[in-house]
Amino acid sequence: MSGQEPRTFRSMFISDVHLGSKAAKAEFLIDFLRYHDADIIYLVGDIVDGWRLRRSWHWPQSHNDVVQKLLRKARKGATITYIAGNHDEFARQFQGVHFGGIVVADRAIHETADGKRLLVIHGDQFDTVVHNARWLAYLGDHAYDAAMLVNRVVTRLRQLLGLPYWSFSSWAKANVKKAVNFIGSFQTMLAEEARRSHVDGIICGHIHHAAIESFGDVQYINTGDWVESCTAVVEHFDGRMEILTWAQVLPEAPDEPFIPLLLEDRVGQAA
């Protein structure tokens, strides 16, 4: 991979990394950031998982490396905006403050190359469980931990069988009726917020379900996550938006050292 130039985009949107949790695929994100660059970067909430850090401290070197990688991009001239989410809601008290070239905000308006105005927001503000039944949100967080434990067991079994990475939790969300209904309701509420804000579309995270869809005259874009699906949204220089899925081409190895032997194949498929 020596001499391989990173792919450069006009803007890039990343959310739900959950640094501080054992489920965070920090090595995957470091690798992605190594081979993808953008003039404008939005961190769309839940980058740091304050909920889990309060329960127990978990911050390996790879999580610190993600932070350093982003700070390095800011030093090189990228405009980076950190949109606070519910797991990193502590950041909301620092709106407008710059940290190493990264500015903190609760929401932002992004204008694309083709003139569209997109509201960038994490999306937890429209999750009634998070705001009206806080205890239930924390209970759901524990249930999510259990799902991710099942995910790791399934992943390990698939590795032993020589099968590629597959997310049990993503499959469950896509197939369980209540989860599907919740995702549909969330998307509808976010589209309505875009109309109320008089913008052309909305970019969010929160539900760990990457999507680019149209709701009438409004475009709904969800960046996905770096816990299950390892997805980001990028804007090309003509304004076209695209979801990149970085985990499709490399099986997960959560307990093994990161081995960059397949990077050439991966960049080739992403190109």
C-alpha atoms as a PDB file:
ATOM      1  CA  MET A   1       0.000   0.000   0.000  1.00  0.00           C
ATOM      2  CA  SER A   2       3.021   2.315  -0.038  1.00  0.00           C
ATOM      3  CA  GLY A   3       2.274   5.305  -2.251  1.00  0.00           C
ATOM      4  CA  GLN A   4      -1.484   4.732  -2.223  1.00  0.00           C
ATOM      5  CA  GLU A   5      -3.186   8.134  -2.279  1.00  0.00           C
ATOM      6  CA  PRO A   6      -6.331   8.583  -0.136  1.00  0.00           C
ATOM      7  CA  ARG A   7      -9.636   9.147  -1.890  1.00  0.00           C
ATOM      8  CA  THR A   8     -10.655  12.769  -1.412  1.00  0.00           C
ATOM      9  CA  PHE A   9     -14.234  13.997  -1.128  1.00  0.00           C
ATOM     10  CA  ARG A  10     -15.828  17.394  -0.680  1.00  0.00           C
ATOM     11  CA  SER A  11     -17.353  16.390   2.664  1.00  0.00           C
ATOM     12  CA  MET A  12     -17.594  13.362   4.928  1.00  0.00           C
ATOM     13  CA  PHE A  13     -20.090  12.438   7.661  1.00  0.00           C
ATOM     14  CA  ILE A  14     -19.311   9.953  10.456  1.00  0.00           C
ATOM     15  CA  SER A  15     -21.397   9.130  13.513  1.00  0.00           C
ATOM     16  CA  ASP A  16     -21.905   6.643  16.331  1.00  0.00           C
ATOM     17  CA  VAL A  17     -18.309   5.563  16.812  1.00  0.00           C
ATOM     18  CA  HIS A  18     -18.877   5.007  20.557  1.00  0.00           C
ATOM     19  CA  LEU A  19     -15.260   5.410  21.607  1.00  0.00           C
ATOM     20  CA  GLY A  20     -15.011   4.181  25.181  1.00  0.00           C
ATOM     21  CA  SER A  21     -17.095   1.077  24.501  1.00  0.00           C
ATOM     22  CA  LYS A  22     -15.678  -2.358  23.763  1.00  0.00           C
ATOM     23  CA  ALA A  23     -17.932  -2.640  20.704  1.00  0.00           C
ATOM     24  CA  ALA A  24     -16.324   0.340  18.922  1.00  0.00           C
ATOM     25  CA  LYS A  25     -14.442  -0.743  15.795  1.00  0.00           C
ATOM     26  CA  ALA A  26     -11.743   1.878  16.201  1.00  0.00           C
ATOM     27  CA  GLU A  27      -9.178   0.031  14.062  1.00  0.00           C
ATOM     28  CA  PHE A  28     -11.638  -0.063  11.166  1.00  0.00           C
ATOM     29  CA  LEU A  29     -12.251   3.678  11.458  1.00  0.00           C
ATOM     30  CA  ILE A  30      -8.524   4.470  11.666  1.00  0.00           C
ATOM     31  CA  ASP A  31      -8.034   2.450   8.518  1.00  0.00           C
ATOM     32  CA  PHE A  32     -10.939   4.199   6.789  1.00  0.00           C
ATOM     33  CA  LEU A  33      -9.611   7.643   7.718  1.00  0.00           C
ATOM     34  CA  ARG A  34      -6.177   6.684   6.433  1.00  0.00           C
ATOM     35  CA  TYR A  35      -7.530   6.121   2.916  1.00  0.00           C
ATOM     36  CA  HIS A  36     -10.368   8.670   2.834  1.00  0.00           C
ATOM     37  CA  ASP A  37     -10.082  12.430   3.186  1.00  0.00           C
ATOM     38  CA  ALA A  38     -12.398  15.420   2.866  1.00  0.00           C
ATOM     39  CA  ASP A  39     -12.274  19.200   2.988  1.00  0.00           C
ATOM     40  CA  ILE A  40     -15.260  19.244   5.380  1.00  0.00           C
ATOM     41  CA  ILE A  41     -15.870  16.599   8.052  1.00  0.00           C
ATOM     42  CA  TYR A  42     -18.898  16.296  10.315  1.00  0.00           C
ATOM     43  CA  LEU A  43     -18.805  14.056  13.387  1.00  0.00           C
ATOM     44  CA  VAL A  44     -22.534  13.485  13.778  1.00  0.00           C
ATOM     45  CA  GLY A  45     -22.821  12.532  17.450  1.00  0.00           C
ATOM     46  CA  ASP A  46     -22.049   9.629  19.791  1.00  0.00           C
ATOM     47  CA  ILE A  47     -18.388   9.774  18.829  1.00  0.00           C
ATOM     48  CA  VAL A  48     -17.490   9.242  22.492  1.00  0.00           C
ATOM     49  CA  ASP A  49     -19.709   6.982  24.610  1.00  0.00           C
ATOM     50  CA  GLY A  50     -20.004   8.853  27.901  1.00  0.00           C
ATOM     51  CA  TRP A  51     -22.716   6.473  29.157  1.00  0.00           C
ATOM     52  CA  ARG A  52     -20.396   3.467  29.079  1.00  0.00           C
ATOM     53  CA  LEU A  53     -17.374   5.389  30.343  1.00  0.00           C
ATOM     54  CA  ARG A  54     -19.374   6.332  33.438  1.00  0.00           C
ATOM     55  CA  ARG A  55     -20.069   2.650  34.074  1.00  0.00           C
ATOM     56  CA  SER A  56     -16.498   1.457  33.527  1.00  0.00           C
ATOM     57  CA  TRP A  57     -13.400   3.003  31.979  1.00  0.00           C
ATOM     58  CA  HIS A  58     -12.360   1.537  28.642  1.00  0.00           C
ATOM     59  CA  TRP A  59     -10.010   3.580  26.463  1.00  0.00           C
ATOM     60  CA  PRO A  60      -7.403   1.517  24.577  1.00  0.00           C
ATOM     61  CA  GLN A  61      -4.717   3.092  22.421  1.00  0.00           C
ATOM     62  CA  SER A  62      -6.766   2.559  19.252  1.00  0.00           C
ATOM     63  CA  HIS A  63      -9.480   4.892  20.603  1.00  0.00           C
ATOM     64  CA  ASN A  64      -6.883   7.546  21.295  1.00  0.00           C
ATOM     65  CA  ASP A  65      -5.508   7.002  17.783  1.00  0.00           C
ATOM     66  CA  VAL A  66      -8.930   7.857  16.280  1.00  0.00           C
ATOM     67  CA  VAL A  67      -8.914  11.185  18.137  1.00  0.00           C
ATOM     68  CA  GLN A  68      -5.342  11.919  17.056  1.00  0.00           C
ATOM     69  CA  LYS A  69      -6.159  11.041  13.443  1.00  0.00           C
ATOM     70  CA  LEU A  70      -9.057  13.511  13.395  1.00  0.00           C
ATOM     71  CA  LEU A  71      -6.989  16.238  15.059  1.00  0.00           C
ATOM     72  CA  ARG A  72      -4.280  15.679  12.461  1.00  0.00           C
ATOM     73  CA  LYS A  73      -6.811  16.184   9.655  1.00  0.00           C
ATOM     74  CA  ALA A  74      -7.920  19.437  11.316  1.00  0.00           C
ATOM     75  CA  ARG A  75      -4.301  20.625  11.497  1.00  0.00           C
ATOM     76  CA  LYS A  76      -3.909  19.875   7.795  1.00  0.00           C
ATOM     77  CA  GLY A  77      -6.825  22.184   6.972  1.00  0.00           C
ATOM     78  CA  ALA A  78     -10.006  20.130   7.143  1.00  0.00           C
ATOM     79  CA  THR A  79     -13.007  21.953   8.607  1.00  0.00           C
ATOM     80  CA  ILE A  80     -14.350  19.611  11.304  1.00  0.00           C
ATOM     81  CA  THR A  81     -17.641  20.094  13.187  1.00  0.00           C
ATOM     82  CA  TYR A  82     -18.523  17.893  16.168  1.00  0.00           C
ATOM     83  CA  ILE A  83     -22.300  17.522  16.503  1.00  0.00           C
ATOM     84  CA  ALA A  84     -23.143  16.301  20.013  1.00  0.00           C
ATOM     85  CA  GLY A  85     -25.354  13.231  20.492  1.00  0.00           C
ATOM     86  CA  ASN A  86     -27.047  11.646  23.494  1.00  0.00           C
ATOM     87  CA  HIS A  87     -24.101   9.423  24.486  1.00  0.00           C
ATOM     88  CA  ASP A  88     -21.759  12.429  24.316  1.00  0.00           C
ATOM     89  CA  GLU A  89     -24.326  14.993  25.481  1.00  0.00           C
ATOM     90  CA  PHE A  90     -21.675  16.493  27.777  1.00  0.00           C
ATOM     91  CA  ALA A  91     -20.317  18.184  24.626  1.00  0.00           C
ATOM     92  CA  ARG A  92     -23.503  20.260  24.255  1.00  0.00           C
ATOM     93  CA  GLN A  93     -22.305  22.609  26.992  1.00  0.00           C
ATOM     94  CA  PHE A  94     -19.330  23.526  24.774  1.00  0.00           C
ATOM     95  CA  GLN A  95     -21.235  24.700  21.686  1.00  0.00           C
ATOM     96  CA  GLY A  96     -19.139  27.128  19.674  1.00  0.00           C
ATOM     97  CA  VAL A  97     -15.918  26.125  21.426  1.00  0.00           C
ATOM     98  CA  HIS A  98     -12.934  24.979  19.345  1.00  0.00           C
ATOM     99  CA  PHE A  99     -10.824  22.018  20.477  1.00  0.00           C
ATOM    100  CA  GLY A 100      -7.703  21.601  18.375  1.00  0.00           C
ATOM    101  CA  GLY A 101      -9.477  22.987  15.330  1.00  0.00           C
ATOM    102  CA  ILE A 102     -12.704  21.010  15.872  1.00  0.00           C
ATOM    103  CA  VAL A 103     -15.760  23.145  16.656  1.00  0.00           C
ATOM    104  CA  VAL A 104     -18.632  21.778  18.770  1.00  0.00           C
ATOM    105  CA  ALA A 105     -22.280  22.346  17.789  1.00  0.00           C
ATOM    106  CA  ASP A 106     -25.744  20.945  18.471  1.00  0.00           C
ATOM    107  CA  ARG A 107     -26.737  21.195  14.797  1.00  0.00           C
ATOM    108  CA  ALA A 108     -25.371  22.699  11.600  1.00  0.00           C
ATOM    109  CA  ILE A 109     -26.448  23.549   8.065  1.00  0.00           C
ATOM    110  CA  HIS A 110     -24.311  22.040   5.306  1.00  0.00           C
ATOM    111  CA  GLU A 111     -24.548  23.394   1.761  1.00  0.00           C
ATOM    112  CA  THR A 112     -23.676  20.863  -0.922  1.00  0.00           C
ATOM    113  CA  ALA A 113     -21.759  21.546  -4.115  1.00  0.00           C
ATOM    114  CA  ASP A 114     -25.023  21.590  -6.091  1.00  0.00           C
ATOM    115  CA  GLY A 115     -26.638  24.126  -3.764  1.00  0.00           C
ATOM    116  CA  LYS A 116     -28.765  21.939  -1.475  1.00  0.00           C
ATOM    117  CA  ARG A 117     -29.050  22.906   2.191  1.00  0.00           C
ATOM    118  CA  LEU A 118     -28.897  19.950   4.587  1.00  0.00           C
ATOM    119  CA  LEU A 119     -29.562  20.029   8.330  1.00  0.00           C
ATOM    120  CA  VAL A 120     -26.911  18.021  10.204  1.00  0.00           C
ATOM    121  CA  ILE A 121     -28.130  16.720  13.566  1.00  0.00           C
ATOM    122  CA  HIS A 122     -27.552  13.567  15.619  1.00  0.00           C
ATOM    123  CA  GLY A 123     -31.261  12.757  15.871  1.00  0.00           C
ATOM    124  CA  ASP A 124     -31.688  11.756  19.530  1.00  0.00           C
ATOM    125  CA  GLN A 125     -33.838  14.855  19.959  1.00  0.00           C
ATOM    126  CA  PHE A 126     -36.596  12.956  18.119  1.00  0.00           C
ATOM    127  CA  ASP A 127     -36.280   9.724  20.102  1.00  0.00           C
ATOM    128  CA  THR A 128     -39.133   9.884  22.636  1.00  0.00           C
ATOM    129  CA  VAL A 129     -37.608   7.106  24.754  1.00  0.00           C
ATOM    130  CA  VAL A 130     -34.369   9.040  25.216  1.00  0.00           C
ATOM    131  CA  HIS A 131     -36.210  12.190  26.300  1.00  0.00           C
ATOM    132  CA  ASN A 132     -39.343  10.947  28.057  1.00  0.00           C
ATOM    133  CA  ALA A 133     -38.210   7.705  29.700  1.00  0.00           C
ATOM    134  CA  ARG A 134     -34.533   8.093  30.495  1.00  0.00           C
ATOM    135  CA  TRP A 135     -34.436   4.921  32.594  1.00  0.00           C
ATOM    136  CA  LEU A 136     -35.826   2.951  29.642  1.00  0.00           C
ATOM    137  CA  ALA A 137     -33.138   4.386  27.387  1.00  0.00           C
ATOM    138  CA  TYR A 138     -30.457   3.178  29.819  1.00  0.00           C
ATOM    139  CA  LEU A 139     -32.155  -0.238  29.990  1.00  0.00           C
ATOM    140  CA  GLY A 140     -32.156  -0.357  26.205  1.00  0.00           C
ATOM    141  CA  ASP A 141     -28.465   0.493  26.261  1.00  0.00           C
ATOM    142  CA  HIS A 142     -27.796  -2.599  28.397  1.00  0.00           C
ATOM    143  CA  ALA A 143     -29.900  -4.699  26.017  1.00  0.00           C
ATOM    144  CA  TYR A 144     -27.815  -3.345  23.148  1.00  0.00           C
ATOM    145  CA  ASP A 145     -24.660  -4.473  24.993  1.00  0.00           C
ATOM    146  CA  ALA A 146     -26.160  -7.967  25.172  1.00  0.00           C
ATOM    147  CA  ALA A 147     -26.915  -7.904  21.442  1.00  0.00           C
ATOM    148  CA  MET A 148     -23.341  -6.879  20.702  1.00  0.00           C
ATOM    149  CA  LEU A 149     -22.067  -9.760  22.864  1.00  0.00           C
ATOM    150  CA  VAL A 150     -24.142 -12.136  20.712  1.00  0.00           C
ATOM    151  CA  ASN A 151     -22.708 -10.351  17.693  1.00  0.00           C
ATOM    152  CA  ARG A 152     -19.134 -11.077  18.835  1.00  0.00           C
ATOM    153  CA  VAL A 153     -19.922 -14.760  19.429  1.00  0.00           C
ATOM    154  CA  VAL A 154     -21.517 -15.089  15.987  1.00  0.00           C
ATOM    155  CA  THR A 155     -18.548 -13.272  14.425  1.00  0.00           C
ATOM    156  CA  ARG A 156     -16.043 -15.589  16.076  1.00  0.00           C
ATOM    157  CA  LEU A 157     -17.949 -18.667  14.876  1.00  0.00           C
ATOM    158  CA  ARG A 158     -18.093 -17.275  11.332  1.00  0.00           C
ATOM    159  CA  GLN A 159     -14.343 -16.629  11.451  1.00  0.00           C
ATOM    160  CA  LEU A 160     -13.705 -20.235  12.452  1.00  0.00           C
ATOM    161  CA  LEU A 161     -15.864 -21.351   9.514  1.00  0.00           C
ATOM    162  CA  GLY A 162     -14.039 -19.021   7.123  1.00  0.00           C
ATOM    163  CA  LEU A 163     -17.105 -16.860   6.522  1.00  0.00           C
ATOM    164  CA  PRO A 164     -17.035 -13.042   6.098  1.00  0.00           C
ATOM    165  CA  TYR A 165     -18.151 -10.558   8.736  1.00  0.00           C
ATOM    166  CA  TRP A 166     -21.921 -10.379   9.310  1.00  0.00           C
ATOM    167  CA  SER A 167     -23.729  -8.277  11.923  1.00  0.00           C
ATOM    168  CA  PHE A 168     -26.391 -10.103  13.933  1.00  0.00           C
ATOM    169  CA  SER A 169     -27.620  -6.857  15.493  1.00  0.00           C
ATOM    170  CA  SER A 170     -27.951  -5.138  12.101  1.00  0.00           C
ATOM    171  CA  TRP A 171     -29.874  -8.145  10.782  1.00  0.00           C
ATOM    172  CA  ALA A 172     -32.192  -8.091  13.806  1.00  0.00           C
ATOM    173  CA  LYS A 173     -32.948  -4.391  13.344  1.00  0.00           C
ATOM    174  CA  ALA A 174     -33.704  -4.913   9.671  1.00  0.00           C
ATOM    175  CA  ASN A 175     -36.029  -7.870  10.268  1.00  0.00           C
ATOM    176  CA  VAL A 176     -37.738  -7.490  13.641  1.00  0.00           C
ATOM    177  CA  LYS A 177     -41.093  -5.782  13.028  1.00  0.00           C
ATOM    178  CA  LYS A 178     -40.939  -3.321  15.945  1.00  0.00           C
ATOM    179  CA  ALA A 179     -37.417  -2.261  15.009  1.00  0.00           C
ATOM    180  CA  VAL A 180     -38.491  -1.727  11.401  1.00  0.00           C
ATOM    181  CA  ASN A 181     -41.478   0.342  12.552  1.00  0.00           C
ATOM    182  CA  PHE A 182     -39.243   2.433  14.850  1.00  0.00           C
ATOM    183  CA  ILE A 183     -36.791   3.141  12.033  1.00  0.00           C
ATOM    184  CA  GLY A 184     -39.655   4.164   9.737  1.00  0.00           C
ATOM    185  CA  SER A 185     -41.146   6.454  12.382  1.00  0.00           C
ATOM    186  CA  PHE A 186     -37.736   8.009  13.118  1.00  0.00           C
ATOM    187  CA  GLN A 187     -37.119   8.697   9.439  1.00  0.00           C
ATOM    188  CA  THR A 188     -40.537  10.332   9.059  1.00  0.00           C
ATOM    189  CA  MET A 189     -39.965  12.611  12.084  1.00  0.00           C
ATOM    190  CA  LEU A 190     -36.548  13.675  10.813  1.00  0.00           C
ATOM    191  CA  ALA A 191     -37.962  14.437   7.375  1.00  0.00           C
ATOM    192  CA  GLU A 192     -40.627  16.611   9.008  1.00  0.00           C
ATOM    193  CA  GLU A 193     -37.917  18.455  10.964  1.00  0.00           C
ATOM    194  CA  ALA A 194     -36.147  19.184   7.690  1.00  0.00           C
ATOM    195  CA  ARG A 195     -39.349  20.721   6.303  1.00  0.00           C
ATOM    196  CA  ARG A 196     -39.832  22.808   9.477  1.00  0.00           C
ATOM    197  CA  SER A 197     -36.247  24.015   9.135  1.00  0.00           C
ATOM    198  CA  HIS A 198     -36.824  24.984   5.479  1.00  0.00           C
ATOM    199  CA  VAL A 199     -33.930  22.875   4.186  1.00  0.00           C
ATOM    200  CA  ASP A 200     -33.669  20.349   1.368  1.00  0.00           C
ATOM    201  CA  GLY A 201     -32.705  17.408   3.520  1.00  0.00           C
ATOM    202  CA  ILE A 202     -31.315  16.097   6.767  1.00  0.00           C
ATOM    203  CA  ILE A 203     -28.216  14.126   7.752  1.00  0.00           C
ATOM    204  CA  CYS A 204     -28.314  12.262  11.061  1.00  0.00           C
ATOM    205  CA  GLY A 205     -27.126   9.194  12.986  1.00  0.00           C
ATOM    206  CA  HIS A 206     -28.419   7.750  16.271  1.00  0.00           C
ATOM    207  CA  ILE A 207     -30.247   4.612  15.075  1.00  0.00           C
ATOM    208  CA  HIS A 208     -27.197   2.862  13.540  1.00  0.00           C
ATOM    209  CA  HIS A 209     -28.998   2.295  10.237  1.00  0.00           C
ATOM    210  CA  ALA A 210     -27.330   3.846   7.190  1.00  0.00           C
ATOM    211  CA  ALA A 211     -29.702   5.078   4.498  1.00  0.00           C
ATOM    212  CA  ILE A 212     -30.183   7.614   1.724  1.00  0.00           C
ATOM    213  CA  GLU A 213     -33.874   7.993   0.949  1.00  0.00           C
ATOM    214  CA  SER A 214     -36.350  10.552  -0.329  1.00  0.00           C
ATOM    215  CA  PHE A 215     -39.496  11.519   1.577  1.00  0.00           C
ATOM    216  CA  GLY A 216     -41.336  13.584  -0.954  1.00  0.00           C
ATOM    217  CA  ASP A 217     -39.322  16.734  -1.481  1.00  0.00           C
ATOM    218  CA  VAL A 218     -36.921  15.991   1.414  1.00  0.00           C
ATOM    219  CA  GLN A 219     -33.795  13.865   1.353  1.00  0.00           C
ATOM    220  CA  TYR A 220     -33.129  11.721   4.456  1.00  0.00           C
ATOM    221  CA  ILE A 221     -29.533  10.588   5.012  1.00  0.00           C
ATOM    222  CA  ASN A 222     -28.323   8.470   7.934  1.00  0.00           C
ATOM    223  CA  THR A 223     -24.607   7.879   8.366  1.00  0.00           C
ATOM    224  CA  GLY A 224     -24.928   4.497  10.107  1.00  0.00           C
ATOM    225  CA  ASP A 225     -22.273   3.641  12.710  1.00  0.00           C
ATOM    226  CA  TRP A 226     -18.830   2.239  13.558  1.00  0.00           C
ATOM    227  CA  VAL A 227     -20.077  -0.431  15.955  1.00  0.00           C
ATOM    228  CA  GLU A 228     -22.000  -2.748  13.647  1.00  0.00           C
ATOM    229  CA  SER A 229     -21.909  -1.761   9.988  1.00  0.00           C
ATOM    230  CA  CYS A 230     -18.842   0.538   9.708  1.00  0.00           C
ATOM    231  CA  THR A 231     -20.426   3.077   7.363  1.00  0.00           C
ATOM    232  CA  ALA A 232     -19.867   6.715   6.502  1.00  0.00           C
ATOM    233  CA  VAL A 233     -21.566   9.125   4.117  1.00  0.00           C
ATOM    234  CA  VAL A 234     -19.479  11.138   1.668  1.00  0.00           C
ATOM    235  CA  GLU A 235     -20.290  14.003  -0.683  1.00  0.00           C
ATOM    236  CA  HIS A 236     -18.588  13.967  -4.066  1.00  0.00           C
ATOM    237  CA  PHE A 237     -17.437  17.216  -5.620  1.00  0.00           C
ATOM    238  CA  ASP A 238     -20.575  17.353  -7.782  1.00  0.00           C
ATOM    239  CA  GLY A 239     -22.824  17.181  -4.692  1.00  0.00           C
ATOM    240  CA  ARG A 240     -23.716  13.490  -5.042  1.00  0.00           C
ATOM    241  CA  MET A 241     -24.055  11.694  -1.701  1.00  0.00           C
ATOM    242  CA  GLU A 242     -22.911   8.102  -1.185  1.00  0.00           C
ATOM    243  CA  ILE A 243     -22.744   5.555   1.648  1.00  0.00           C
ATOM    244  CA  LEU A 244     -19.375   3.829   2.018  1.00  0.00           C
ATOM    245  CA  THR A 245     -19.317   0.506   3.889  1.00  0.00           C
ATOM    246  CA  TRP A 246     -15.808  -0.282   5.070  1.00  0.00           C
ATOM    247  CA  ALA A 247     -16.443  -3.610   6.856  1.00  0.00           C
ATOM    248  CA  GLN A 248     -17.819  -5.429   3.829  1.00  0.00           C
ATOM    249  CA  VAL A 249     -14.420  -6.554   2.660  1.00  0.00           C
ATOM    250  CA  LEU A 250     -12.585  -7.486   5.854  1.00  0.00           C
ATOM    251  CA  PRO A 251     -13.859  -9.915   8.542  1.00  0.00           C
ATOM    252  CA  GLU A 252     -13.894  -8.530  12.067  1.00  0.00           C
ATOM    253  CA  ALA A 253     -11.113  -9.690  14.377  1.00  0.00           C
ATOM    254  CA  PRO A 254     -11.916  -7.975  17.714  1.00  0.00           C
ATOM    255  CA  ASP A 255      -9.391  -9.882  19.803  1.00  0.00           C
ATOM    256  CA  GLU A 256      -6.590 -10.056  17.255  1.00  0.00           C
ATOM    257  CA  PRO A 257      -3.985  -7.451  16.277  1.00  0.00           C
ATOM    258  CA  PHE A 258      -5.045  -5.403  13.268  1.00  0.00           C
ATOM    259  CA  ILE A 259      -3.503  -6.907  10.110  1.00  0.00           C
ATOM    260  CA  PRO A 260      -3.545  -4.565   7.073  1.00  0.00           C
ATOM    261  CA  LEU A 261      -2.831  -7.309   4.547  1.00  0.00           C
ATOM    262  CA  LEU A 262      -6.146  -6.916   2.708  1.00  0.00           C
ATOM    263  CA  LEU A 263      -6.080  -3.135   2.453  1.00  0.00           C
ATOM    264  CA  GLU A 264      -5.214  -3.147  -1.239  1.00  0.00           C
ATOM    265  CA  ASP A 265      -8.235  -5.286  -2.079  1.00  0.00           C
ATOM    266  CA  ARG A 266     -10.421  -3.088   0.103  1.00  0.00           C
ATOM    267  CA  VAL A 267      -9.361   0.204  -1.446  1.00  0.00           C
ATOM    268  CA  GLY A 268      -9.755  -1.369  -4.875  1.00  0.00           C
ATOM    269  CA  GLN A 269     -13.341  -2.316  -4.124  1.00  0.00           C
ATOM    270  CA  ALA A 270     -14.104   1.071  -2.575  1.00  0.00           C
ATOM    271  CA  ALA A 271     -12.696   2.967  -5.560  1.00  0.00           C
END
